[in-house]
N, C-alpha and C. Protein backbone atom coordinates (compact mmCIF):
# COMPACT_ATOMS: atom_id res chain seq x y z
N MET A 1 85.66 151.50 82.21
CA MET A 1 84.02 151.03 82.09
C MET A 1 83.98 150.61 83.44
N ARG A 2 82.64 151.30 83.72
CA ARG A 2 82.50 150.64 85.09
C ARG A 2 80.69 150.81 85.58
N VAL A 3 80.37 149.11 86.00
CA VAL A 3 79.33 148.97 85.52
C VAL A 3 78.83 148.20 86.54
N TYR A 4 77.44 148.84 87.28
CA TYR A 4 77.68 148.81 88.44
C TYR A 4 76.61 147.74 88.53
N LYS A 5 76.71 146.19 89.27
CA LYS A 5 75.81 145.01 89.05
C LYS A 5 74.24 145.49 88.84
N SER A 6 74.34 146.36 90.02
CA SER A 6 72.81 146.39 90.56
C SER A 6 71.81 147.75 88.88
N LYS A 7 73.18 147.47 88.20
CA LYS A 7 72.14 148.23 87.13
C LYS A 7 72.22 147.47 86.25
N VAL A 8 72.91 146.01 86.25
CA VAL A 8 72.95 145.38 84.66
C VAL A 8 71.23 145.42 84.39
N PRO A 9 70.26 144.72 84.96
CA PRO A 9 69.06 144.50 84.56
C PRO A 9 68.24 145.46 84.04
N SER A 10 68.32 147.08 84.05
CA SER A 10 67.84 148.03 83.95
C SER A 10 68.76 148.04 82.15
N ILE A 11 70.19 148.01 82.35
CA ILE A 11 70.75 148.55 80.82
C ILE A 11 70.30 147.24 79.80
N SER A 12 70.44 145.96 80.33
CA SER A 12 69.90 144.56 79.90
C SER A 12 68.46 145.09 78.85
N ARG A 13 67.69 145.58 79.65
CA ARG A 13 66.13 145.80 79.56
C ARG A 13 66.20 147.08 78.18
N GLU A 14 67.06 148.18 78.22
CA GLU A 14 67.55 148.85 77.50
C GLU A 14 67.44 148.85 76.08
N VAL A 15 68.95 148.18 76.48
CA VAL A 15 69.49 147.39 75.40
C VAL A 15 68.50 146.79 74.26
N ILE A 16 67.76 145.71 74.59
CA ILE A 16 67.09 145.38 73.72
C ILE A 16 65.42 145.94 73.23
N GLU A 17 65.20 146.94 74.24
CA GLU A 17 64.03 148.17 73.95
C GLU A 17 64.50 148.85 73.08
N ALA A 18 65.50 149.57 73.21
CA ALA A 18 66.68 150.54 71.48
C ALA A 18 66.35 149.84 70.81
N LEU A 19 66.84 148.57 70.35
CA LEU A 19 67.12 147.76 69.21
C LEU A 19 65.95 147.32 68.65
N ARG A 20 64.56 146.88 69.27
CA ARG A 20 63.32 146.37 69.17
C ARG A 20 62.54 147.69 68.58
N ARG A 21 62.69 148.65 69.33
CA ARG A 21 62.18 150.28 68.76
C ARG A 21 62.65 150.62 67.62
N GLY A 22 63.83 150.68 67.38
CA GLY A 22 64.41 151.18 66.45
C GLY A 22 64.45 150.11 65.09
N GLY A 23 63.59 149.07 65.49
CA GLY A 23 63.74 148.22 64.02
C GLY A 23 65.32 147.21 63.84
N ASP A 24 65.63 147.21 64.64
CA ASP A 24 66.66 146.78 64.34
C ASP A 24 66.96 145.18 64.52
N ILE A 25 66.16 144.82 65.37
CA ILE A 25 65.64 143.34 65.69
C ILE A 25 64.40 143.07 65.94
N GLU A 26 64.88 141.72 65.92
CA GLU A 26 63.25 141.18 65.91
C GLU A 26 63.14 140.33 67.12
N VAL A 27 62.15 140.53 68.20
CA VAL A 27 62.25 139.52 69.42
C VAL A 27 60.92 139.58 69.51
N PRO A 28 60.32 137.97 69.05
CA PRO A 28 58.82 138.31 70.11
C PRO A 28 58.39 138.68 71.31
N ASP A 29 57.42 138.78 71.61
CA ASP A 29 57.41 139.62 72.61
C ASP A 29 57.55 138.62 74.42
N ASP A 30 57.09 136.88 73.67
CA ASP A 30 57.36 136.09 74.49
C ASP A 30 58.59 135.64 75.08
N LYS A 31 59.85 136.17 74.18
CA LYS A 31 60.86 136.02 74.41
C LYS A 31 61.56 136.91 75.11
N VAL A 32 61.16 137.86 75.22
CA VAL A 32 62.10 139.69 75.33
C VAL A 32 62.63 139.30 76.43
N ASN A 33 62.10 138.60 77.51
CA ASN A 33 62.86 138.51 78.51
C ASN A 33 63.98 137.69 78.74
N GLU A 34 63.76 136.71 77.94
CA GLU A 34 65.11 135.87 77.53
C GLU A 34 66.32 136.62 76.94
N ALA A 35 66.04 137.28 75.76
CA ALA A 35 67.05 137.69 75.59
C ALA A 35 67.43 138.99 76.05
N GLU A 36 66.87 139.49 76.69
CA GLU A 36 67.45 140.68 77.94
C GLU A 36 68.14 139.78 78.97
N ALA A 37 67.98 138.85 79.24
CA ALA A 37 68.73 137.45 80.21
C ALA A 37 70.03 137.59 79.16
N ASP A 38 70.09 137.08 77.91
CA ASP A 38 71.22 136.77 77.09
C ASP A 38 72.34 138.29 77.73
N VAL A 39 71.84 139.30 77.14
CA VAL A 39 72.76 140.36 77.43
C VAL A 39 73.19 141.16 78.87
N ALA A 40 72.57 140.88 80.00
CA ALA A 40 72.80 140.59 81.46
C ALA A 40 74.02 139.55 81.45
N ALA A 41 73.83 138.27 80.68
CA ALA A 41 74.57 136.85 80.74
C ALA A 41 76.32 137.98 80.44
N ILE A 42 76.04 138.16 79.28
CA ILE A 42 77.22 139.31 78.97
C ILE A 42 77.90 140.11 79.97
N LEU A 43 77.36 140.99 80.64
CA LEU A 43 77.36 142.53 81.78
C LEU A 43 78.17 141.22 83.20
N TYR A 44 77.06 140.52 83.16
CA TYR A 44 77.65 139.59 84.42
C TYR A 44 78.74 139.38 84.44
N GLU A 45 78.91 138.29 83.56
CA GLU A 45 80.39 137.76 83.19
C GLU A 45 81.91 138.69 82.92
N TYR A 46 81.46 139.90 82.58
CA TYR A 46 82.14 140.55 81.91
C TYR A 46 82.54 141.64 83.84
N LEU A 47 81.89 141.40 84.46
CA LEU A 47 81.63 141.61 86.00
C LEU A 47 83.02 140.62 86.26
N ARG A 48 82.22 139.66 86.42
CA ARG A 48 83.29 138.28 86.89
C ARG A 48 84.42 138.64 86.51
N MET A 49 84.93 139.04 85.15
CA MET A 49 86.44 138.62 84.75
C MET A 49 87.01 139.96 84.95
N ASP A 50 86.22 140.94 85.50
CA ASP A 50 86.93 142.03 85.97
C ASP A 50 87.18 141.59 87.20
N ARG A 51 86.57 141.01 88.16
CA ARG A 51 86.84 141.23 89.21
C ARG A 51 88.25 140.18 89.67
N GLU A 52 87.88 138.84 88.57
CA GLU A 52 88.94 138.08 88.31
C GLU A 52 90.81 138.76 87.97
N VAL A 53 90.21 139.57 87.26
CA VAL A 53 91.44 140.16 86.76
C VAL A 53 92.36 140.94 87.72
N THR A 54 91.43 141.60 88.31
CA THR A 54 91.58 142.56 89.67
C THR A 54 92.51 141.74 90.44
N GLU A 55 91.80 141.15 90.72
CA GLU A 55 92.29 140.04 92.12
C GLU A 55 93.88 139.35 91.66
N ALA A 56 94.02 139.15 90.45
CA ALA A 56 95.26 138.46 89.60
C ALA A 56 96.13 139.31 90.09
N ALA A 57 95.76 140.45 89.93
CA ALA A 57 96.92 141.73 89.44
C ALA A 57 97.38 142.31 90.85
N LYS A 58 96.49 142.24 91.91
CA LYS A 58 96.66 142.42 93.23
C LYS A 58 97.48 141.68 94.17
N ASP A 59 97.19 139.83 93.36
CA ASP A 59 97.86 138.97 94.11
C ASP A 59 99.51 138.61 93.44
N ALA A 60 99.49 139.42 92.25
CA ALA A 60 101.06 139.44 91.27
C ALA A 60 101.79 140.82 92.21
N LEU A 61 100.73 141.80 92.59
CA LEU A 61 102.01 142.93 93.17
C LEU A 61 102.40 142.17 94.40
N GLU A 62 101.44 141.69 95.23
CA GLU A 62 102.27 141.01 96.34
C GLU A 62 103.13 139.98 96.34
N ARG A 63 102.91 139.39 94.91
CA ARG A 63 104.43 138.46 94.95
C ARG A 63 105.60 139.09 94.44
N ARG A 64 105.36 140.51 93.87
CA ARG A 64 106.44 141.07 93.41
C ARG A 64 106.94 142.27 94.24
N GLY A 65 106.19 142.40 95.30
CA GLY A 65 106.60 143.42 95.96
C GLY A 65 106.06 144.91 95.72
N LEU A 66 105.34 144.78 94.68
CA LEU A 66 105.14 146.25 94.23
C LEU A 66 104.24 146.65 94.93
N ASP A 67 104.24 148.97 94.52
CA ASP A 67 103.01 149.10 95.43
C ASP A 67 102.12 149.11 94.46
N HIS A 68 100.82 150.07 95.20
CA HIS A 68 99.43 149.52 94.52
C HIS A 68 99.20 150.85 93.36
N THR A 69 100.46 151.53 93.14
CA THR A 69 100.36 152.57 91.76
C THR A 69 100.60 151.68 90.86
N GLN A 70 101.16 150.51 90.61
CA GLN A 70 101.37 149.58 89.58
C GLN A 70 100.21 148.79 89.24
N LEU A 71 99.21 149.02 90.18
CA LEU A 71 98.22 148.30 89.78
C LEU A 71 97.27 148.07 88.72
N GLY A 72 97.33 149.60 87.73
CA GLY A 72 96.77 149.92 86.55
C GLY A 72 97.15 148.89 85.53
N ARG A 73 98.74 148.72 85.57
CA ARG A 73 99.48 148.64 84.55
C ARG A 73 99.71 146.97 84.66
N VAL A 74 99.78 146.35 85.94
CA VAL A 74 99.76 145.06 85.82
C VAL A 74 98.34 144.28 85.33
N LYS A 75 97.28 144.79 86.04
CA LYS A 75 95.83 144.84 85.53
C LYS A 75 95.95 144.58 83.76
N ARG A 76 96.20 145.72 83.03
CA ARG A 76 96.26 145.82 82.10
C ARG A 76 96.98 144.75 81.26
N SER A 77 98.26 144.25 81.56
CA SER A 77 98.97 143.36 81.20
C SER A 77 98.16 141.64 81.44
N ILE A 78 97.50 141.65 82.86
CA ILE A 78 96.97 139.90 82.93
C ILE A 78 95.47 140.01 82.43
N ALA A 79 95.12 141.12 81.54
CA ALA A 79 94.22 141.57 80.87
C ALA A 79 94.11 141.40 79.61
N LYS A 80 95.73 141.71 79.09
CA LYS A 80 95.68 141.08 77.80
C LYS A 80 96.06 139.54 77.79
N GLU A 81 96.66 139.03 78.30
CA GLU A 81 96.61 137.79 78.71
C GLU A 81 96.16 136.58 78.48
N LYS A 82 94.80 137.46 78.80
CA LYS A 82 93.36 136.93 79.19
C LYS A 82 92.18 136.83 78.13
N GLY A 83 92.97 137.72 77.34
CA GLY A 83 92.11 138.39 76.02
C GLY A 83 90.93 139.22 76.14
N PHE A 84 90.99 139.83 77.75
CA PHE A 84 89.65 140.44 78.42
C PHE A 84 90.51 142.23 78.19
N ALA A 85 89.50 143.19 77.91
CA ALA A 85 89.47 144.30 77.98
C ALA A 85 88.83 145.04 78.69
N ILE A 86 89.82 146.15 79.25
CA ILE A 86 89.65 147.24 80.73
C ILE A 86 89.78 148.14 79.96
N GLY A 87 89.34 149.16 80.89
CA GLY A 87 89.55 150.77 80.50
C GLY A 87 88.50 151.55 79.58
N GLU A 88 89.37 151.99 78.77
CA GLU A 88 88.89 152.49 77.47
C GLU A 88 88.37 151.35 76.33
N ASP A 89 89.05 150.64 76.00
CA ASP A 89 88.70 148.99 75.48
C ASP A 89 87.63 148.38 75.82
N ALA A 90 87.13 148.32 77.01
CA ALA A 90 85.88 147.83 77.42
C ALA A 90 84.42 148.12 76.87
N MET A 91 84.47 148.97 76.90
CA MET A 91 82.72 149.10 75.91
C MET A 91 82.72 148.70 74.76
N GLU A 92 83.63 148.62 74.28
CA GLU A 92 83.77 148.51 72.80
C GLU A 92 83.63 146.58 72.77
N TYR A 93 84.68 145.94 73.35
CA TYR A 93 84.85 144.66 73.87
C TYR A 93 83.24 143.88 74.59
N VAL A 94 82.55 144.86 75.03
CA VAL A 94 81.34 144.14 75.73
C VAL A 94 80.18 144.34 74.33
N LEU A 95 80.26 145.47 73.94
CA LEU A 95 79.32 145.59 72.54
C LEU A 95 79.73 144.81 71.30
N ARG A 96 80.82 144.59 71.35
CA ARG A 96 81.03 143.25 70.41
C ARG A 96 80.24 142.04 70.61
N GLN A 97 80.81 141.69 71.93
CA GLN A 97 79.73 140.28 72.58
C GLN A 97 78.46 140.40 72.27
N ILE A 98 78.39 141.57 72.88
CA ILE A 98 76.34 141.99 72.74
C ILE A 98 75.90 141.60 71.53
N THR A 99 76.77 142.37 70.38
CA THR A 99 76.35 142.48 69.01
C THR A 99 76.49 140.77 68.51
N GLU A 100 77.42 140.01 68.80
CA GLU A 100 77.88 139.09 68.11
C GLU A 100 76.46 137.63 68.70
N MET A 101 76.32 137.64 70.42
CA MET A 101 74.85 137.40 70.90
C MET A 101 73.44 137.19 70.54
N LEU A 102 73.50 138.46 69.61
CA LEU A 102 72.32 139.22 68.59
C LEU A 102 72.56 137.87 67.59
N PHE A 103 73.02 137.57 67.05
CA PHE A 103 73.23 136.74 65.80
C PHE A 103 72.93 135.20 66.07
N TYR A 104 73.20 135.10 67.15
CA TYR A 104 72.95 133.91 67.74
C TYR A 104 72.23 133.02 68.48
N SER A 105 71.44 134.14 69.24
CA SER A 105 70.58 133.68 70.36
C SER A 105 69.19 132.83 69.57
N ALA A 106 68.99 132.36 70.15
CA ALA A 106 67.77 131.27 70.13
C ALA A 106 66.64 132.81 70.35
N ASN A 107 66.78 133.88 71.28
CA ASN A 107 65.70 134.41 71.39
C ASN A 107 65.35 135.52 70.38
N VAL A 108 66.36 135.83 69.79
CA VAL A 108 66.19 136.98 68.88
C VAL A 108 66.23 136.64 67.23
N ASP A 109 64.98 136.19 67.07
CA ASP A 109 64.41 135.76 65.62
C ASP A 109 65.19 136.30 64.01
N GLU A 110 65.39 137.77 64.23
CA GLU A 110 66.18 138.65 62.77
C GLU A 110 66.76 139.68 63.70
N VAL A 111 67.90 139.88 63.15
CA VAL A 111 68.83 141.40 63.16
C VAL A 111 68.71 141.38 61.49
N PHE A 112 68.16 143.20 61.74
CA PHE A 112 68.48 143.63 60.54
C PHE A 112 69.38 144.89 60.28
N SER A 113 70.16 144.96 61.43
CA SER A 113 70.93 145.95 61.15
C SER A 113 72.69 146.09 60.98
N GLU A 114 73.60 146.85 60.30
CA GLU A 114 74.70 146.25 60.77
C GLU A 114 75.31 146.43 61.83
N ASP A 115 76.40 145.79 61.89
CA ASP A 115 77.27 145.46 63.44
C ASP A 115 77.06 147.25 64.34
N HIS A 116 77.95 148.03 63.18
CA HIS A 116 78.11 149.40 63.44
C HIS A 116 76.50 150.09 64.06
N ALA A 117 76.03 150.08 63.39
CA ALA A 117 74.46 150.99 63.71
C ALA A 117 74.14 150.06 64.79
N LEU A 118 74.07 148.80 65.20
CA LEU A 118 73.73 147.79 66.66
C LEU A 118 74.63 148.69 68.19
N ARG A 119 75.67 148.80 67.64
CA ARG A 119 76.98 149.20 68.23
C ARG A 119 76.51 150.89 68.97
N LYS A 120 76.04 151.75 67.79
CA LYS A 120 76.06 152.63 68.07
C LYS A 120 74.77 153.18 68.95
N LYS A 121 73.62 152.38 68.73
CA LYS A 121 72.53 152.45 69.49
C LYS A 121 73.05 151.80 70.56
N MET A 122 73.68 150.78 71.18
CA MET A 122 73.54 150.16 72.24
C MET A 122 74.76 150.98 73.32
N SER A 123 75.56 151.74 73.04
CA SER A 123 76.82 152.79 73.25
C SER A 123 75.86 154.04 73.62
N GLU A 124 74.98 154.32 73.18
CA GLU A 124 74.11 155.56 73.46
C GLU A 124 73.58 154.79 75.03
N VAL A 125 73.20 153.72 75.08
CA VAL A 125 72.56 153.40 76.35
C VAL A 125 73.55 153.24 77.62
N PHE A 126 74.35 152.09 77.05
CA PHE A 126 75.54 152.59 78.10
C PHE A 126 76.16 153.29 78.71
N LYS A 127 76.29 154.70 77.85
CA LYS A 127 76.87 155.82 78.39
C LYS A 127 75.84 156.51 79.32
N LYS A 128 74.75 156.56 78.99
CA LYS A 128 74.11 156.99 79.92
C LYS A 128 73.77 156.54 81.18
N HIS A 129 74.04 155.42 81.16
CA HIS A 129 74.49 154.25 82.28
C HIS A 129 75.94 154.41 83.12
N LEU A 130 76.76 154.78 82.22
CA LEU A 130 78.12 155.20 82.74
C LEU A 130 78.37 156.89 83.29
N GLU A 131 77.60 157.61 82.79
CA GLU A 131 77.80 158.73 83.39
C GLU A 131 77.14 158.95 85.01
N VAL A 132 76.99 157.74 85.31
CA VAL A 132 76.71 157.91 86.99
C VAL A 132 78.74 157.86 87.40
N ASP A 133 79.14 157.34 87.56
CA ASP A 133 80.26 157.15 87.50
C ASP A 133 81.17 158.82 87.74
N GLU A 134 80.83 159.43 86.47
CA GLU A 134 81.32 160.34 86.58
C GLU A 134 80.95 161.26 87.68
N GLU A 135 79.66 161.30 87.66
CA GLU A 135 78.86 162.28 88.52
C GLU A 135 79.25 161.69 90.30
N LEU A 136 79.65 160.42 90.82
CA LEU A 136 79.77 160.10 91.80
C LEU A 136 81.25 160.53 91.84
N ASP A 137 81.98 160.43 91.15
CA ASP A 137 83.57 160.94 91.40
C ASP A 137 83.27 161.98 91.48
N ARG A 138 82.53 163.16 90.94
CA ARG A 138 82.32 164.55 90.95
C ARG A 138 82.07 165.12 92.34
N GLU A 139 80.69 164.28 93.31
CA GLU A 139 80.68 164.11 94.07
C GLU A 139 81.65 164.27 95.32
N VAL A 140 82.40 163.10 94.92
CA VAL A 140 83.14 163.11 96.23
C VAL A 140 84.11 163.89 96.26
N ARG A 141 84.62 163.93 94.84
CA ARG A 141 85.74 165.25 94.87
C ARG A 141 85.53 166.12 95.42
N LYS A 142 84.28 166.98 95.47
CA LYS A 142 83.69 168.21 95.95
C LYS A 142 84.07 167.87 97.72
N ARG A 143 82.84 166.63 98.00
CA ARG A 143 82.69 166.54 99.64
C ARG A 143 84.21 166.66 100.34
N ILE A 144 85.76 165.96 99.48
CA ILE A 144 86.75 165.99 99.99
C ILE A 144 87.76 166.94 99.58
N ARG A 145 87.62 168.17 98.81
CA ARG A 145 87.99 169.05 98.30
C ARG A 145 89.06 169.39 99.85
N ASN A 146 89.04 169.57 101.03
CA ASN A 146 90.04 169.59 101.59
C ASN A 146 91.35 169.17 101.91
N LEU A 147 91.75 167.90 101.13
CA LEU A 147 92.07 166.80 101.25
C LEU A 147 93.21 166.95 100.42
N GLU A 148 94.57 166.60 100.40
CA GLU A 148 95.26 167.00 99.02
C GLU A 148 95.57 165.49 98.29
N GLU A 149 95.12 165.77 96.83
CA GLU A 149 94.95 164.43 96.01
C GLU A 149 96.26 163.56 95.91
N GLY A 150 96.06 162.38 96.38
CA GLY A 150 97.78 161.82 95.98
C GLY A 150 97.77 161.30 97.04
N THR A 151 97.72 161.90 97.93
CA THR A 151 98.17 161.43 99.61
C THR A 151 97.20 159.74 100.07
N GLU A 152 98.01 159.40 101.05
CA GLU A 152 97.01 158.21 101.67
C GLU A 152 95.83 158.96 102.31
N SER A 153 95.85 159.72 102.87
CA SER A 153 94.40 160.40 103.72
C SER A 153 93.41 160.35 102.48
N TRP A 154 93.52 160.96 101.47
CA TRP A 154 92.59 161.59 100.39
C TRP A 154 92.69 159.84 99.60
N ASP A 155 93.19 159.48 99.37
CA ASP A 155 92.77 157.53 98.80
C ASP A 155 91.94 156.89 99.84
N ILE A 156 92.21 156.90 101.18
CA ILE A 156 90.99 156.35 102.33
C ILE A 156 89.73 156.82 102.19
N GLU A 157 89.76 158.55 102.35
CA GLU A 157 88.91 159.34 102.56
C GLU A 157 87.88 159.12 100.84
N TYR A 158 88.69 159.05 100.38
CA TYR A 158 88.03 158.82 98.79
C TYR A 158 87.52 157.98 98.22
N SER A 159 87.93 156.47 99.08
CA SER A 159 87.14 155.23 98.92
C SER A 159 86.06 154.88 100.16
N ARG A 160 85.87 155.70 100.77
CA ARG A 160 84.93 155.61 102.35
C ARG A 160 83.96 156.62 101.73
N VAL A 161 83.85 157.94 101.24
CA VAL A 161 83.20 158.58 101.00
C VAL A 161 82.14 157.93 99.29
N LEU A 162 83.31 157.08 98.28
CA LEU A 162 82.57 156.81 97.36
C LEU A 162 81.59 155.57 97.33
N SER A 163 82.11 154.28 98.67
CA SER A 163 81.12 153.35 99.25
C SER A 163 80.01 154.00 99.72
N GLN A 164 80.22 154.92 100.61
CA GLN A 164 78.78 155.64 101.20
C GLN A 164 77.89 155.97 100.05
N LEU A 165 78.43 156.43 99.37
CA LEU A 165 77.47 157.75 98.10
C LEU A 165 77.04 156.45 97.11
N LYS A 166 77.90 155.30 97.37
CA LYS A 166 77.25 154.12 96.09
C LYS A 166 76.08 153.29 97.11
N ARG A 167 76.00 153.50 98.51
CA ARG A 167 75.08 152.82 99.34
C ARG A 167 73.84 153.61 98.84
N GLN A 168 74.33 155.07 99.15
CA GLN A 168 72.80 155.99 99.42
C GLN A 168 72.21 155.75 97.90
N ARG A 169 72.75 155.33 96.92
CA ARG A 169 72.17 154.90 95.61
C ARG A 169 71.84 153.98 95.19
N GLY A 170 72.45 152.83 95.97
CA GLY A 170 71.63 151.86 95.82
C GLY A 170 72.80 151.18 94.58
N LEU A 171 73.77 151.45 94.47
CA LEU A 171 74.62 150.74 93.44
C LEU A 171 75.93 149.49 94.21
N GLU A 172 75.40 149.53 95.58
CA GLU A 172 76.41 148.36 95.90
C GLU A 172 75.68 147.34 96.26
C-alpha cells in the first residue's frame, strides 16, 4: 500500500465523511476537523514507520553486502520484528488502527457499526486513492516500453519518469 503524504488530508476527510454519512459514527460538527486529524495522525505515523523500516532495510543490506534485489525480503523481516505491516497486509493494518481509534477518540461520540462494516467502508475510500499508484505505474511503463525491464537502465529511467509524473500531479 502506497499512501502519498499529499493525499492524507483528503483520505482522512473522506473516511470521516463516508462513516458519518452512512450513519456508522456520530461526530459533532464542531469535532469533525479533530476526527479527521485523528485519522491523518494514523496515516502519517504509518508513513513515518514505513520510511523507518525502509531505511533500516537499506542499512542492513549495506552492512551484509547484499544487493538491492533483497530489499523487499529484508524490509518484510524488519517490519515483522517491529509489528508493522507492509505490502498486501498494510491496508488491513491501517484500517484496524483507524477502527480502534474510532472507539477511543474523544472526537467521536458514538460508533454504531461493527468493525468489519467500518473497515469495508473505509477500504472503499482507500482503494479509490490507491488506484493512483496503479495508474502511475501503467503510465511510466508506457513511456519506457522501449527499455528491457529488469535492466539497470530500466530501473533508473523508471524512477526518473515516476518522480517526474508525481511532481506533475502534486504527489511529492
